[in-house]
Amino acid sequence: MPTIALASFPRSGNTMLRSYLEKVMGLCTGSDGDLDKGLVRELMDKGFAGEGLADKRVQVVKTHFPERFGTHKFQADKAILLVRNPLDAITSLYNMIATSSHQYSISEDDFEKFKDAWDEHLKREITVWKDFNLWWMNAKVPVHIVRYEDLKSEPKDVLKGVLEFVLDTDDISGTRIEGYLNQALN
């Protein structure tokens, strides 16, 4: 069974895509995250039983490598690269850092109030975002690119492509997996 990296710059929809894959395929996805970190533990507490696993017990492993080094090294045979509009991803990351949560945001006034910190964060992270995505686009394994915005607006079409990539098949039309996909989206 090949190991597939589910790579994304932080706050680019990795958790949403993992959730879809788990619903459709009936498998646990893993991550190279450290369970001693509160935000990683929070994902496990919310139902991601494979959080912190990056071995043969899981086929798909969430990673933010090389932007962030996980606690578990693993060898990916192929990768799904999830890309989000950089301004949206970087803003969401800033909110996560400022609130120490996945679901809360600071107020719009706080961006002005902490303008210098926001500007520094934006300048630093835009380079990190670019370098991260270039690294994965040049990876030595097959890479399937997914736009977060497309996953949100056209989940069935995007997930069909992802599943075909994961399953190494040209078309899942008419298969049981397509049926599971339809059920997961209802």
C-alpha atoms as a PDB file:
ATOM      1  CA  MET A   1       0.000   0.000   0.000  1.00  0.00           C
ATOM      2  CA  PRO A   2       1.597   3.301  -1.053  1.00  0.00           C
ATOM      3  CA  THR A   3       1.981   6.124   1.437  1.00  0.00           C
ATOM      4  CA  ILE A   4       0.453   9.375   0.232  1.00  0.00           C
ATOM      5  CA  ALA A   5       1.472  12.741   1.644  1.00  0.00           C
ATOM      6  CA  LEU A   6      -1.403  15.172   2.018  1.00  0.00           C
ATOM      7  CA  ALA A   7       0.704  18.319   1.913  1.00  0.00           C
ATOM      8  CA  SER A   8      -0.492  21.839   2.507  1.00  0.00           C
ATOM      9  CA  PHE A   9       0.679  25.159   3.842  1.00  0.00           C
ATOM     10  CA  PRO A  10      -1.056  25.534   7.224  1.00  0.00           C
ATOM     11  CA  ARG A  11      -4.706  26.631   7.102  1.00  0.00           C
ATOM     12  CA  SER A  12      -5.255  25.490   3.513  1.00  0.00           C
ATOM     13  CA  GLY A  13      -8.038  22.954   4.098  1.00  0.00           C
ATOM     14  CA  ASN A  14      -6.074  19.841   5.013  1.00  0.00           C
ATOM     15  CA  THR A  15      -8.477  18.895   7.808  1.00  0.00           C
ATOM     16  CA  MET A  16     -11.470  19.269   5.488  1.00  0.00           C
ATOM     17  CA  LEU A  17      -9.894  17.072   2.799  1.00  0.00           C
ATOM     18  CA  ARG A  18      -8.860  14.478   5.398  1.00  0.00           C
ATOM     19  CA  SER A  19     -12.425  14.394   6.689  1.00  0.00           C
ATOM     20  CA  TYR A  20     -13.781  13.749   3.193  1.00  0.00           C
ATOM     21  CA  LEU A  21     -11.231  10.990   2.545  1.00  0.00           C
ATOM     22  CA  GLU A  22     -12.053   9.301   5.836  1.00  0.00           C
ATOM     23  CA  LYS A  23     -15.806   9.422   5.131  1.00  0.00           C
ATOM     24  CA  VAL A  24     -15.520   8.126   1.577  1.00  0.00           C
ATOM     25  CA  MET A  25     -12.792   5.520   1.993  1.00  0.00           C
ATOM     26  CA  GLY A  26     -13.540   4.404   5.544  1.00  0.00           C
ATOM     27  CA  LEU A  27      -9.914   4.740   6.585  1.00  0.00           C
ATOM     28  CA  CYS A  28      -7.941   6.678   9.143  1.00  0.00           C
ATOM     29  CA  THR A  29      -5.658   9.401   7.864  1.00  0.00           C
ATOM     30  CA  GLY A  30      -2.513  10.151   9.810  1.00  0.00           C
ATOM     31  CA  SER A  31      -0.276  13.128  10.393  1.00  0.00           C
ATOM     32  CA  ASP A  32       3.328  13.833  11.212  1.00  0.00           C
ATOM     33  CA  GLY A  33       2.141  16.116  14.019  1.00  0.00           C
ATOM     34  CA  ASP A  34       3.236  16.038  17.645  1.00  0.00           C
ATOM     35  CA  LEU A  35       0.433  14.958  19.991  1.00  0.00           C
ATOM     36  CA  ASP A  36       2.066  16.979  22.774  1.00  0.00           C
ATOM     37  CA  LYS A  37       1.042  20.143  20.895  1.00  0.00           C
ATOM     38  CA  GLY A  38      -2.416  21.401  21.856  1.00  0.00           C
ATOM     39  CA  LEU A  39      -3.677  22.120  18.343  1.00  0.00           C
ATOM     40  CA  VAL A  40      -2.583  18.659  17.130  1.00  0.00           C
ATOM     41  CA  ARG A  41      -4.203  16.976  20.131  1.00  0.00           C
ATOM     42  CA  GLU A  42      -7.373  18.989  19.429  1.00  0.00           C
ATOM     43  CA  LEU A  43      -7.657  17.311  16.007  1.00  0.00           C
ATOM     44  CA  MET A  44      -7.396  13.879  17.614  1.00  0.00           C
ATOM     45  CA  ASP A  45     -10.029  14.842  20.177  1.00  0.00           C
ATOM     46  CA  LYS A  46     -12.325  15.936  17.317  1.00  0.00           C
ATOM     47  CA  GLY A  47     -12.207  12.458  15.761  1.00  0.00           C
ATOM     48  CA  PHE A  48      -8.992  12.123  13.769  1.00  0.00           C
ATOM     49  CA  ALA A  49      -7.934   8.841  15.380  1.00  0.00           C
ATOM     50  CA  GLY A  50      -4.809   8.587  13.213  1.00  0.00           C
ATOM     51  CA  GLU A  51      -3.448  11.940  14.345  1.00  0.00           C
ATOM     52  CA  GLY A  52       0.253  11.536  15.118  1.00  0.00           C
ATOM     53  CA  LEU A  53       0.610   8.362  13.000  1.00  0.00           C
ATOM     54  CA  ALA A  54       2.900   8.384   9.970  1.00  0.00           C
ATOM     55  CA  ASP A  55       3.535   4.697   9.400  1.00  0.00           C
ATOM     56  CA  LYS A  56       1.960   1.757   7.544  1.00  0.00           C
ATOM     57  CA  ARG A  57      -1.156   1.916   9.745  1.00  0.00           C
ATOM     58  CA  VAL A  58      -2.292   4.883   7.647  1.00  0.00           C
ATOM     59  CA  GLN A  59      -2.195   5.380   3.879  1.00  0.00           C
ATOM     60  CA  VAL A  60      -2.646   9.169   3.798  1.00  0.00           C
ATOM     61  CA  VAL A  61      -0.460  11.357   6.035  1.00  0.00           C
ATOM     62  CA  LYS A  62      -1.093  15.071   6.622  1.00  0.00           C
ATOM     63  CA  THR A  63       2.076  17.121   6.503  1.00  0.00           C
ATOM     64  CA  HIS A  64       3.203  20.721   6.400  1.00  0.00           C
ATOM     65  CA  PHE A  65       6.753  19.618   5.530  1.00  0.00           C
ATOM     66  CA  PRO A  66       9.060  21.338   4.579  1.00  0.00           C
ATOM     67  CA  GLU A  67       7.416  24.466   6.031  1.00  0.00           C
ATOM     68  CA  ARG A  68       7.143  22.716   9.394  1.00  0.00           C
ATOM     69  CA  PHE A  69       9.007  19.586  10.379  1.00  0.00           C
ATOM     70  CA  GLY A  70       6.731  16.971  11.884  1.00  0.00           C
ATOM     71  CA  THR A  71       7.793  14.639  14.650  1.00  0.00           C
ATOM     72  CA  HIS A  72       7.536  11.580  12.411  1.00  0.00           C
ATOM     73  CA  LYS A  73       9.535  11.220   9.219  1.00  0.00           C
ATOM     74  CA  PHE A  74       7.924   9.159   6.496  1.00  0.00           C
ATOM     75  CA  GLN A  75       8.593   8.331   2.867  1.00  0.00           C
ATOM     76  CA  ALA A  76       5.773   9.330   0.517  1.00  0.00           C
ATOM     77  CA  ASP A  77       5.217   7.384  -2.693  1.00  0.00           C
ATOM     78  CA  LYS A  78       2.999  10.161  -4.039  1.00  0.00           C
ATOM     79  CA  ALA A  79       1.464  13.395  -2.821  1.00  0.00           C
ATOM     80  CA  ILE A  80      -1.689  15.448  -2.870  1.00  0.00           C
ATOM     81  CA  LEU A  81      -0.775  19.138  -2.746  1.00  0.00           C
ATOM     82  CA  LEU A  82      -3.600  21.274  -1.388  1.00  0.00           C
ATOM     83  CA  VAL A  83      -3.145  24.933  -2.341  1.00  0.00           C
ATOM     84  CA  ARG A  84      -5.147  27.877  -1.006  1.00  0.00           C
ATOM     85  CA  ASN A  85      -5.062  31.533  -2.040  1.00  0.00           C
ATOM     86  CA  PRO A  86      -2.004  32.778  -0.137  1.00  0.00           C
ATOM     87  CA  LEU A  87      -3.648  35.837   1.404  1.00  0.00           C
ATOM     88  CA  ASP A  88      -6.517  33.735   2.754  1.00  0.00           C
ATOM     89  CA  ALA A  89      -4.188  30.984   4.053  1.00  0.00           C
ATOM     90  CA  ILE A  90      -1.800  33.470   5.669  1.00  0.00           C
ATOM     91  CA  THR A  91      -4.666  35.422   7.258  1.00  0.00           C
ATOM     92  CA  SER A  92      -6.160  32.206   8.621  1.00  0.00           C
ATOM     93  CA  LEU A  93      -2.742  31.179   9.985  1.00  0.00           C
ATOM     94  CA  TYR A  94      -2.417  34.559  11.718  1.00  0.00           C
ATOM     95  CA  ASN A  95      -5.842  34.050  13.308  1.00  0.00           C
ATOM     96  CA  MET A  96      -4.864  30.559  14.486  1.00  0.00           C
ATOM     97  CA  ILE A  97      -1.621  31.819  16.004  1.00  0.00           C
ATOM     98  CA  ALA A  98      -3.332  34.796  17.664  1.00  0.00           C
ATOM     99  CA  THR A  99      -6.190  32.731  19.140  1.00  0.00           C
ATOM    100  CA  SER A 100      -4.403  29.370  19.660  1.00  0.00           C
ATOM    101  CA  SER A 101      -7.395  27.664  18.081  1.00  0.00           C
ATOM    102  CA  HIS A 102      -8.589  26.206  14.807  1.00  0.00           C
ATOM    103  CA  GLN A 103     -11.988  27.869  14.914  1.00  0.00           C
ATOM    104  CA  TYR A 104     -11.629  31.385  16.335  1.00  0.00           C
ATOM    105  CA  SER A 105     -10.544  34.629  14.659  1.00  0.00           C
ATOM    106  CA  ILE A 106      -9.381  37.984  15.884  1.00  0.00           C
ATOM    107  CA  SER A 107     -11.479  41.049  15.083  1.00  0.00           C
ATOM    108  CA  GLU A 108     -10.842  43.185  12.001  1.00  0.00           C
ATOM    109  CA  ASP A 109      -9.852  46.014  14.369  1.00  0.00           C
ATOM    110  CA  ASP A 110      -7.026  43.840  15.716  1.00  0.00           C
ATOM    111  CA  PHE A 111      -5.370  43.755  12.291  1.00  0.00           C
ATOM    112  CA  GLU A 112      -5.078  47.530  12.477  1.00  0.00           C
ATOM    113  CA  LYS A 113      -4.247  47.547  16.170  1.00  0.00           C
ATOM    114  CA  PHE A 114      -1.369  45.094  15.611  1.00  0.00           C
ATOM    115  CA  LYS A 115      -0.489  46.357  12.138  1.00  0.00           C
ATOM    116  CA  ASP A 116       3.279  45.962  12.537  1.00  0.00           C
ATOM    117  CA  ALA A 117       2.977  42.328  13.669  1.00  0.00           C
ATOM    118  CA  TRP A 118       0.508  41.581  10.858  1.00  0.00           C
ATOM    119  CA  ASP A 119       2.751  43.208   8.225  1.00  0.00           C
ATOM    120  CA  GLU A 120       5.792  41.264   9.455  1.00  0.00           C
ATOM    121  CA  HIS A 121       3.805  38.009   9.466  1.00  0.00           C
ATOM    122  CA  LEU A 122       2.508  38.635   5.939  1.00  0.00           C
ATOM    123  CA  LYS A 123       5.946  39.460   4.500  1.00  0.00           C
ATOM    124  CA  ARG A 124       7.541  36.388   6.085  1.00  0.00           C
ATOM    125  CA  GLU A 125       4.779  33.925   5.285  1.00  0.00           C
ATOM    126  CA  ILE A 126       4.268  34.874   1.618  1.00  0.00           C
ATOM    127  CA  THR A 127       7.815  33.678   0.916  1.00  0.00           C
ATOM    128  CA  VAL A 128       7.257  30.533   2.978  1.00  0.00           C
ATOM    129  CA  TRP A 129       3.973  29.865   1.092  1.00  0.00           C
ATOM    130  CA  LYS A 130       5.709  30.226  -2.286  1.00  0.00           C
ATOM    131  CA  ASP A 131       8.710  28.076  -1.313  1.00  0.00           C
ATOM    132  CA  PHE A 132       6.455  25.395   0.209  1.00  0.00           C
ATOM    133  CA  ASN A 133       4.334  24.991  -2.909  1.00  0.00           C
ATOM    134  CA  LEU A 134       7.336  25.069  -5.264  1.00  0.00           C
ATOM    135  CA  TRP A 135       9.025  22.355  -3.187  1.00  0.00           C
ATOM    136  CA  TRP A 136       6.053  20.022  -3.582  1.00  0.00           C
ATOM    137  CA  MET A 137       5.483  20.858  -7.262  1.00  0.00           C
ATOM    138  CA  ASN A 138       9.075  19.759  -7.870  1.00  0.00           C
ATOM    139  CA  ALA A 139       8.886  16.652  -5.657  1.00  0.00           C
ATOM    140  CA  LYS A 140      10.331  13.414  -7.018  1.00  0.00           C
ATOM    141  CA  VAL A 141       6.993  11.619  -6.616  1.00  0.00           C
ATOM    142  CA  PRO A 142       3.715  11.966  -8.542  1.00  0.00           C
ATOM    143  CA  VAL A 143       1.809  15.024  -7.251  1.00  0.00           C
ATOM    144  CA  HIS A 144      -1.904  15.735  -7.620  1.00  0.00           C
ATOM    145  CA  ILE A 145      -2.676  19.435  -7.082  1.00  0.00           C
ATOM    146  CA  VAL A 146      -5.984  20.493  -5.510  1.00  0.00           C
ATOM    147  CA  ARG A 147      -7.130  24.086  -5.111  1.00  0.00           C
ATOM    148  CA  TYR A 148      -8.886  24.684  -1.790  1.00  0.00           C
ATOM    149  CA  GLU A 149     -11.312  27.054  -3.489  1.00  0.00           C
ATOM    150  CA  ASP A 150     -12.317  24.315  -5.957  1.00  0.00           C
ATOM    151  CA  LEU A 151     -12.726  21.792  -3.135  1.00  0.00           C
ATOM    152  CA  LYS A 152     -15.152  24.210  -1.465  1.00  0.00           C
ATOM    153  CA  SER A 153     -17.135  25.089  -4.611  1.00  0.00           C
ATOM    154  CA  GLU A 154     -17.056  21.760  -6.501  1.00  0.00           C
ATOM    155  CA  PRO A 155     -16.341  19.064  -3.911  1.00  0.00           C
ATOM    156  CA  LYS A 156     -17.656  16.130  -5.946  1.00  0.00           C
ATOM    157  CA  ASP A 157     -15.511  16.837  -9.020  1.00  0.00           C
ATOM    158  CA  VAL A 158     -12.398  17.568  -6.964  1.00  0.00           C
ATOM    159  CA  LEU A 159     -12.827  14.545  -4.695  1.00  0.00           C
ATOM    160  CA  LYS A 160     -13.421  12.291  -7.694  1.00  0.00           C
ATOM    161  CA  GLY A 161     -10.037  13.362  -9.059  1.00  0.00           C
ATOM    162  CA  VAL A 162      -8.367  12.898  -5.679  1.00  0.00           C
ATOM    163  CA  LEU A 163      -9.840   9.419  -5.262  1.00  0.00           C
ATOM    164  CA  GLU A 164      -8.771   8.395  -8.762  1.00  0.00           C
ATOM    165  CA  PHE A 165      -5.246   9.565  -7.924  1.00  0.00           C
ATOM    166  CA  VAL A 166      -5.231   7.766  -4.547  1.00  0.00           C
ATOM    167  CA  LEU A 167      -6.615   4.553  -6.049  1.00  0.00           C
ATOM    168  CA  ASP A 168      -4.395   4.749  -9.139  1.00  0.00           C
ATOM    169  CA  THR A 169      -7.308   4.461 -11.557  1.00  0.00           C
ATOM    170  CA  ASP A 170      -8.519   6.525 -14.495  1.00  0.00           C
ATOM    171  CA  ASP A 171     -12.190   6.594 -13.531  1.00  0.00           C
ATOM    172  CA  ILE A 172     -14.258   5.681 -10.475  1.00  0.00           C
ATOM    173  CA  SER A 173     -17.571   6.261 -12.276  1.00  0.00           C
ATOM    174  CA  GLY A 174     -20.065   3.530 -11.503  1.00  0.00           C
ATOM    175  CA  THR A 175     -17.958   2.014  -8.719  1.00  0.00           C
ATOM    176  CA  ARG A 176     -18.754   1.475  -5.067  1.00  0.00           C
ATOM    177  CA  ILE A 177     -16.281   4.275  -4.224  1.00  0.00           C
ATOM    178  CA  GLU A 178     -18.319   6.713  -6.315  1.00  0.00           C
ATOM    179  CA  GLY A 179     -21.367   5.619  -4.327  1.00  0.00           C
ATOM    180  CA  TYR A 180     -19.518   6.284  -1.068  1.00  0.00           C
ATOM    181  CA  LEU A 181     -18.490   9.687  -2.430  1.00  0.00           C
ATOM    182  CA  ASN A 182     -22.113  10.560  -3.183  1.00  0.00           C
ATOM    183  CA  GLN A 183     -23.167   9.462   0.313  1.00  0.00           C
ATOM    184  CA  ALA A 184     -20.411  11.497   1.958  1.00  0.00           C
ATOM    185  CA  LEU A 185     -21.543  14.663   0.188  1.00  0.00           C
ATOM    186  CA  ASN A 186     -25.186  14.303   1.240  1.00  0.00           C
END
